Amino acid sequence: MKTSIVLVSLLVLTTSSSAFADIPTTKTVQASPVKLGFFFLGKVKQSYAEAAAGTLMEERAKEMLRVAVEKGNFELADMQKQNKPKEEIENKKKQLQNEINIQQQTLGALVLSTSVNSQNAITEAINAVAKEHGLDVVVDYSGIYKGSDKFSSQGIDITSMIIKRLNPDFAPAAQQTPDNSTK
């Protein structure tokens, strides 16, 4: 029994060492220059009419659904006050839920479509500006939680270039710094 365990152990060790023979054991990391770019997505979306319209559409859709739910609840409460039969109230409740679900799906699809279209346009503008300036990495500055000083000192802010590509006629009122205060 001991002999078979030793033989199996040797077999496993030999197989594993030959299986891992082609895998390098150390990998050296080399620094390479990377051209960094950053932008402020919030500013881009505010300046791009389609993105702003999508945000407004989403707010309106939420409000429409809220009103529909309130109206439905009022109707159900009114039916209860009128002592309508429980079955009739349940049927009305199911009908209202179906109507609200359909409205929610329709509005959701419309909002999503608008959002996807504006996001695609923004992404295309970012890629075009990055290509024009030979940037290797472009990030949304507001999504950096640590190291933003590296991006602002070593990268370039391409926010205005993206906005200009999306809106050739756009003229910003005042240039702002990363902390959103006016210069």
C-alpha atoms as a PDB file:
ATOM      1  CA  MET A   1       0.000   0.000   0.000  1.00  0.00           C
ATOM      2  CA  LYS A   2       2.785   2.455   0.944  1.00  0.00           C
ATOM      3  CA  THR A   3       4.629   1.603  -2.243  1.00  0.00           C
ATOM      4  CA  SER A   4       1.592   2.369  -4.408  1.00  0.00           C
ATOM      5  CA  ILE A   5       1.072   5.736  -2.666  1.00  0.00           C
ATOM      6  CA  VAL A   6       4.729   6.637  -3.216  1.00  0.00           C
ATOM      7  CA  LEU A   7       4.516   5.564  -6.879  1.00  0.00           C
ATOM      8  CA  VAL A   8       1.330   7.590  -7.412  1.00  0.00           C
ATOM      9  CA  SER A   9       2.937  10.609  -5.724  1.00  0.00           C
ATOM     10  CA  LEU A  10       6.022  10.313  -7.925  1.00  0.00           C
ATOM     11  CA  LEU A  11       3.839   9.928 -10.999  1.00  0.00           C
ATOM     12  CA  VAL A  12       1.835  13.052 -10.073  1.00  0.00           C
ATOM     13  CA  LEU A  13       4.996  15.063  -9.412  1.00  0.00           C
ATOM     14  CA  THR A  14       6.581  13.988 -12.702  1.00  0.00           C
ATOM     15  CA  THR A  15       3.416  14.684 -14.674  1.00  0.00           C
ATOM     16  CA  SER A  16       2.861  18.079 -13.072  1.00  0.00           C
ATOM     17  CA  SER A  17       6.435  19.218 -13.531  1.00  0.00           C
ATOM     18  CA  SER A  18       6.401  18.231 -17.207  1.00  0.00           C
ATOM     19  CA  ALA A  19       2.955  19.808 -17.711  1.00  0.00           C
ATOM     20  CA  PHE A  20       4.169  23.115 -16.271  1.00  0.00           C
ATOM     21  CA  ALA A  21       7.546  23.051 -18.065  1.00  0.00           C
ATOM     22  CA  ASP A  22       6.297  25.336 -20.859  1.00  0.00           C
ATOM     23  CA  ILE A  23       4.813  27.935 -18.502  1.00  0.00           C
ATOM     24  CA  PRO A  24       7.269  30.710 -17.600  1.00  0.00           C
ATOM     25  CA  THR A  25       7.749  31.006 -13.873  1.00  0.00           C
ATOM     26  CA  THR A  26       8.547  34.702 -13.809  1.00  0.00           C
ATOM     27  CA  LYS A  27       7.259  37.523 -15.890  1.00  0.00           C
ATOM     28  CA  THR A  28       8.990  40.865 -15.909  1.00  0.00           C
ATOM     29  CA  VAL A  29       6.891  43.975 -16.056  1.00  0.00           C
ATOM     30  CA  GLN A  30       8.290  46.736 -18.173  1.00  0.00           C
ATOM     31  CA  ALA A  31       7.137  50.309 -18.084  1.00  0.00           C
ATOM     32  CA  SER A  32       6.011  51.650 -21.404  1.00  0.00           C
ATOM     33  CA  PRO A  33       4.874  55.140 -22.274  1.00  0.00           C
ATOM     34  CA  VAL A  34       1.119  55.465 -22.521  1.00  0.00           C
ATOM     35  CA  LYS A  35      -0.678  58.563 -23.747  1.00  0.00           C
ATOM     36  CA  LEU A  36      -3.566  59.275 -21.398  1.00  0.00           C
ATOM     37  CA  GLY A  37      -6.734  61.177 -22.083  1.00  0.00           C
ATOM     38  CA  PHE A  38      -9.665  61.910 -19.814  1.00  0.00           C
ATOM     39  CA  PHE A  39     -13.045  63.545 -20.095  1.00  0.00           C
ATOM     40  CA  PHE A  40     -16.023  64.446 -17.949  1.00  0.00           C
ATOM     41  CA  LEU A  41     -18.977  62.317 -19.062  1.00  0.00           C
ATOM     42  CA  GLY A  42     -21.489  64.484 -17.199  1.00  0.00           C
ATOM     43  CA  LYS A  43     -20.390  67.595 -19.110  1.00  0.00           C
ATOM     44  CA  VAL A  44     -20.460  65.722 -22.408  1.00  0.00           C
ATOM     45  CA  LYS A  45     -23.991  64.452 -21.756  1.00  0.00           C
ATOM     46  CA  GLN A  46     -25.195  67.907 -20.688  1.00  0.00           C
ATOM     47  CA  SER A  47     -23.904  69.447 -23.878  1.00  0.00           C
ATOM     48  CA  TYR A  48     -25.221  66.730 -26.196  1.00  0.00           C
ATOM     49  CA  ALA A  49     -28.886  67.307 -26.999  1.00  0.00           C
ATOM     50  CA  GLU A  50     -29.696  63.642 -27.618  1.00  0.00           C
ATOM     51  CA  ALA A  51     -28.230  62.555 -24.250  1.00  0.00           C
ATOM     52  CA  ALA A  52     -29.964  65.415 -22.454  1.00  0.00           C
ATOM     53  CA  ALA A  53     -33.239  64.499 -24.185  1.00  0.00           C
ATOM     54  CA  GLY A  54     -32.782  60.892 -23.071  1.00  0.00           C
ATOM     55  CA  THR A  55     -32.365  61.994 -19.462  1.00  0.00           C
ATOM     56  CA  LEU A  56     -35.448  64.206 -19.706  1.00  0.00           C
ATOM     57  CA  MET A  57     -37.381  61.381 -21.364  1.00  0.00           C
ATOM     58  CA  GLU A  58     -36.420  59.024 -18.541  1.00  0.00           C
ATOM     59  CA  GLU A  59     -37.604  61.521 -15.920  1.00  0.00           C
ATOM     60  CA  ARG A  60     -40.903  62.021 -17.743  1.00  0.00           C
ATOM     61  CA  ALA A  61     -41.397  58.260 -18.129  1.00  0.00           C
ATOM     62  CA  LYS A  62     -40.925  57.787 -14.385  1.00  0.00           C
ATOM     63  CA  GLU A  63     -43.416  60.558 -13.701  1.00  0.00           C
ATOM     64  CA  MET A  64     -45.964  59.057 -16.107  1.00  0.00           C
ATOM     65  CA  LEU A  65     -45.664  55.682 -14.405  1.00  0.00           C
ATOM     66  CA  ARG A  66     -45.962  57.272 -10.964  1.00  0.00           C
ATOM     67  CA  VAL A  67     -49.160  59.066 -12.044  1.00  0.00           C
ATOM     68  CA  ALA A  68     -50.580  55.852 -13.551  1.00  0.00           C
ATOM     69  CA  VAL A  69     -49.922  53.946 -10.324  1.00  0.00           C
ATOM     70  CA  GLU A  70     -51.497  56.704  -8.209  1.00  0.00           C
ATOM     71  CA  LYS A  71     -54.545  56.817 -10.488  1.00  0.00           C
ATOM     72  CA  GLY A  72     -54.896  53.038 -10.300  1.00  0.00           C
ATOM     73  CA  ASN A  73     -54.619  53.065  -6.512  1.00  0.00           C
ATOM     74  CA  PHE A  74     -57.254  55.806  -6.352  1.00  0.00           C
ATOM     75  CA  GLU A  75     -59.615  53.781  -8.557  1.00  0.00           C
ATOM     76  CA  LEU A  76     -59.153  50.675  -6.406  1.00  0.00           C
ATOM     77  CA  ALA A  77     -59.704  52.640  -3.201  1.00  0.00           C
ATOM     78  CA  ASP A  78     -62.832  54.195  -4.702  1.00  0.00           C
ATOM     79  CA  MET A  79     -64.159  50.743  -5.637  1.00  0.00           C
ATOM     80  CA  GLN A  80     -63.592  49.568  -2.057  1.00  0.00           C
ATOM     81  CA  LYS A  81     -65.442  52.599  -0.678  1.00  0.00           C
ATOM     82  CA  GLN A  82     -68.360  51.773  -2.969  1.00  0.00           C
ATOM     83  CA  ASN A  83     -68.348  48.226  -1.542  1.00  0.00           C
ATOM     84  CA  LYS A  84     -67.811  46.662  -4.952  1.00  0.00           C
ATOM     85  CA  PRO A  85     -67.493  42.872  -4.927  1.00  0.00           C
ATOM     86  CA  LYS A  86     -64.023  41.576  -4.068  1.00  0.00           C
ATOM     87  CA  GLU A  87     -63.817  39.696  -7.380  1.00  0.00           C
ATOM     88  CA  GLU A  88     -64.520  42.890  -9.337  1.00  0.00           C
ATOM     89  CA  ILE A  89     -61.833  44.750  -7.398  1.00  0.00           C
ATOM     90  CA  GLU A  90     -59.308  41.950  -8.031  1.00  0.00           C
ATOM     91  CA  ASN A  91     -60.129  41.955 -11.754  1.00  0.00           C
ATOM     92  CA  LYS A  92     -59.656  45.738 -11.886  1.00  0.00           C
ATOM     93  CA  LYS A  93     -56.380  45.388  -9.997  1.00  0.00           C
ATOM     94  CA  LYS A  94     -55.085  42.814 -12.528  1.00  0.00           C
ATOM     95  CA  GLN A  95     -56.219  45.018 -15.429  1.00  0.00           C
ATOM     96  CA  LEU A  96     -54.430  48.055 -13.984  1.00  0.00           C
ATOM     97  CA  GLN A  97     -51.269  46.032 -13.336  1.00  0.00           C
ATOM     98  CA  ASN A  98     -51.255  44.808 -16.937  1.00  0.00           C
ATOM     99  CA  GLU A  99     -51.763  48.328 -18.275  1.00  0.00           C
ATOM    100  CA  ILE A 100     -48.956  49.701 -16.109  1.00  0.00           C
ATOM    101  CA  ASN A 101     -46.636  46.837 -17.096  1.00  0.00           C
ATOM    102  CA  ILE A 102     -47.274  47.501 -20.794  1.00  0.00           C
ATOM    103  CA  GLN A 103     -46.711  51.225 -20.284  1.00  0.00           C
ATOM    104  CA  GLN A 104     -43.518  50.523 -18.332  1.00  0.00           C
ATOM    105  CA  GLN A 105     -42.156  48.202 -21.036  1.00  0.00           C
ATOM    106  CA  THR A 106     -42.991  50.637 -23.815  1.00  0.00           C
ATOM    107  CA  LEU A 107     -41.455  53.617 -22.056  1.00  0.00           C
ATOM    108  CA  GLY A 108     -38.444  51.537 -20.993  1.00  0.00           C
ATOM    109  CA  ALA A 109     -37.775  50.457 -24.583  1.00  0.00           C
ATOM    110  CA  LEU A 110     -38.038  54.041 -25.798  1.00  0.00           C
ATOM    111  CA  VAL A 111     -35.687  55.355 -23.104  1.00  0.00           C
ATOM    112  CA  LEU A 112     -33.226  52.512 -23.715  1.00  0.00           C
ATOM    113  CA  SER A 113     -33.205  53.141 -27.453  1.00  0.00           C
ATOM    114  CA  THR A 114     -32.468  56.833 -26.954  1.00  0.00           C
ATOM    115  CA  SER A 115     -29.808  56.046 -24.366  1.00  0.00           C
ATOM    116  CA  VAL A 116     -28.065  53.491 -26.585  1.00  0.00           C
ATOM    117  CA  ASN A 117     -28.066  55.859 -29.565  1.00  0.00           C
ATOM    118  CA  SER A 118     -26.562  58.737 -27.589  1.00  0.00           C
ATOM    119  CA  GLN A 119     -24.018  56.449 -25.895  1.00  0.00           C
ATOM    120  CA  ASN A 120     -22.924  55.122 -29.307  1.00  0.00           C
ATOM    121  CA  ALA A 121     -22.485  58.664 -30.628  1.00  0.00           C
ATOM    122  CA  ILE A 122     -20.474  59.650 -27.538  1.00  0.00           C
ATOM    123  CA  THR A 123     -18.283  56.542 -27.868  1.00  0.00           C
ATOM    124  CA  GLU A 124     -17.647  57.278 -31.551  1.00  0.00           C
ATOM    125  CA  ALA A 125     -16.665  60.859 -30.708  1.00  0.00           C
ATOM    126  CA  ILE A 126     -14.307  59.656 -27.929  1.00  0.00           C
ATOM    127  CA  ASN A 127     -12.664  57.148 -30.270  1.00  0.00           C
ATOM    128  CA  ALA A 128     -12.237  59.740 -33.022  1.00  0.00           C
ATOM    129  CA  VAL A 129     -10.668  62.304 -30.675  1.00  0.00           C
ATOM    130  CA  ALA A 130      -8.422  59.627 -29.154  1.00  0.00           C
ATOM    131  CA  LYS A 131      -7.254  58.580 -32.617  1.00  0.00           C
ATOM    132  CA  GLU A 132      -6.619  62.197 -33.674  1.00  0.00           C
ATOM    133  CA  HIS A 133      -4.408  62.778 -30.626  1.00  0.00           C
ATOM    134  CA  GLY A 134      -2.753  59.352 -30.524  1.00  0.00           C
ATOM    135  CA  LEU A 135      -4.186  58.477 -27.115  1.00  0.00           C
ATOM    136  CA  ASP A 136      -3.756  54.931 -25.834  1.00  0.00           C
ATOM    137  CA  VAL A 137      -6.153  55.173 -22.868  1.00  0.00           C
ATOM    138  CA  VAL A 138      -9.183  57.409 -22.355  1.00  0.00           C
ATOM    139  CA  VAL A 139     -11.176  57.368 -19.113  1.00  0.00           C
ATOM    140  CA  ASP A 140     -14.091  59.208 -17.555  1.00  0.00           C
ATOM    141  CA  TYR A 141     -12.373  61.430 -14.988  1.00  0.00           C
ATOM    142  CA  SER A 142     -15.327  61.318 -12.611  1.00  0.00           C
ATOM    143  CA  GLY A 143     -14.903  57.525 -12.323  1.00  0.00           C
ATOM    144  CA  ILE A 144     -11.341  57.708 -10.973  1.00  0.00           C
ATOM    145  CA  TYR A 145     -11.329  57.304  -7.210  1.00  0.00           C
ATOM    146  CA  LYS A 146      -7.577  57.278  -6.697  1.00  0.00           C
ATOM    147  CA  GLY A 147      -4.829  58.553  -8.908  1.00  0.00           C
ATOM    148  CA  SER A 148      -6.760  61.327 -10.610  1.00  0.00           C
ATOM    149  CA  ASP A 149      -3.783  63.623 -10.081  1.00  0.00           C
ATOM    150  CA  LYS A 150      -1.748  61.321 -12.374  1.00  0.00           C
ATOM    151  CA  PHE A 151      -4.331  61.664 -15.121  1.00  0.00           C
ATOM    152  CA  SER A 152      -4.632  65.425 -14.806  1.00  0.00           C
ATOM    153  CA  SER A 153      -0.858  65.927 -14.767  1.00  0.00           C
ATOM    154  CA  GLN A 154       0.149  63.304 -17.349  1.00  0.00           C
ATOM    155  CA  GLY A 155      -2.988  63.100 -19.498  1.00  0.00           C
ATOM    156  CA  ILE A 156      -4.970  65.581 -21.491  1.00  0.00           C
ATOM    157  CA  ASP A 157      -8.543  66.685 -20.920  1.00  0.00           C
ATOM    158  CA  ILE A 158     -10.420  65.963 -24.145  1.00  0.00           C
ATOM    159  CA  THR A 159     -13.884  66.905 -22.841  1.00  0.00           C
ATOM    160  CA  SER A 160     -14.196  70.043 -24.989  1.00  0.00           C
ATOM    161  CA  MET A 161     -12.931  68.158 -28.061  1.00  0.00           C
ATOM    162  CA  ILE A 162     -15.586  65.453 -27.601  1.00  0.00           C
ATOM    163  CA  ILE A 163     -18.274  68.091 -27.087  1.00  0.00           C
ATOM    164  CA  LYS A 164     -17.133  69.947 -30.206  1.00  0.00           C
ATOM    165  CA  ARG A 165     -17.229  66.722 -32.253  1.00  0.00           C
ATOM    166  CA  LEU A 166     -20.777  65.946 -31.038  1.00  0.00           C
ATOM    167  CA  ASN A 167     -21.958  69.566 -31.358  1.00  0.00           C
ATOM    168  CA  PRO A 168     -19.914  71.537 -33.884  1.00  0.00           C
ATOM    169  CA  ASP A 169     -21.855  74.715 -32.994  1.00  0.00           C
ATOM    170  CA  PHE A 170     -21.502  74.326 -29.208  1.00  0.00           C
ATOM    171  CA  ALA A 171     -19.719  77.152 -27.381  1.00  0.00           C
ATOM    172  CA  PRO A 172     -19.197  76.543 -23.648  1.00  0.00           C
ATOM    173  CA  ALA A 173     -19.953  79.523 -21.378  1.00  0.00           C
ATOM    174  CA  ALA A 174     -16.849  79.110 -19.198  1.00  0.00           C
ATOM    175  CA  GLN A 175     -14.066  76.585 -18.903  1.00  0.00           C
ATOM    176  CA  GLN A 176     -14.208  74.606 -15.676  1.00  0.00           C
ATOM    177  CA  THR A 177     -11.589  72.774 -13.671  1.00  0.00           C
ATOM    178  CA  PRO A 178     -11.900  69.111 -12.592  1.00  0.00           C
ATOM    179  CA  ASP A 179     -13.562  70.139  -9.319  1.00  0.00           C
ATOM    180  CA  ASN A 180     -16.276  71.889 -11.407  1.00  0.00           C
ATOM    181  CA  SER A 181     -15.405  75.385 -10.231  1.00  0.00           C
ATOM    182  CA  THR A 182     -15.143  78.091 -12.875  1.00  0.00           C
ATOM    183  CA  LYS A 183     -11.668  79.445 -13.658  1.00  0.00           C
END
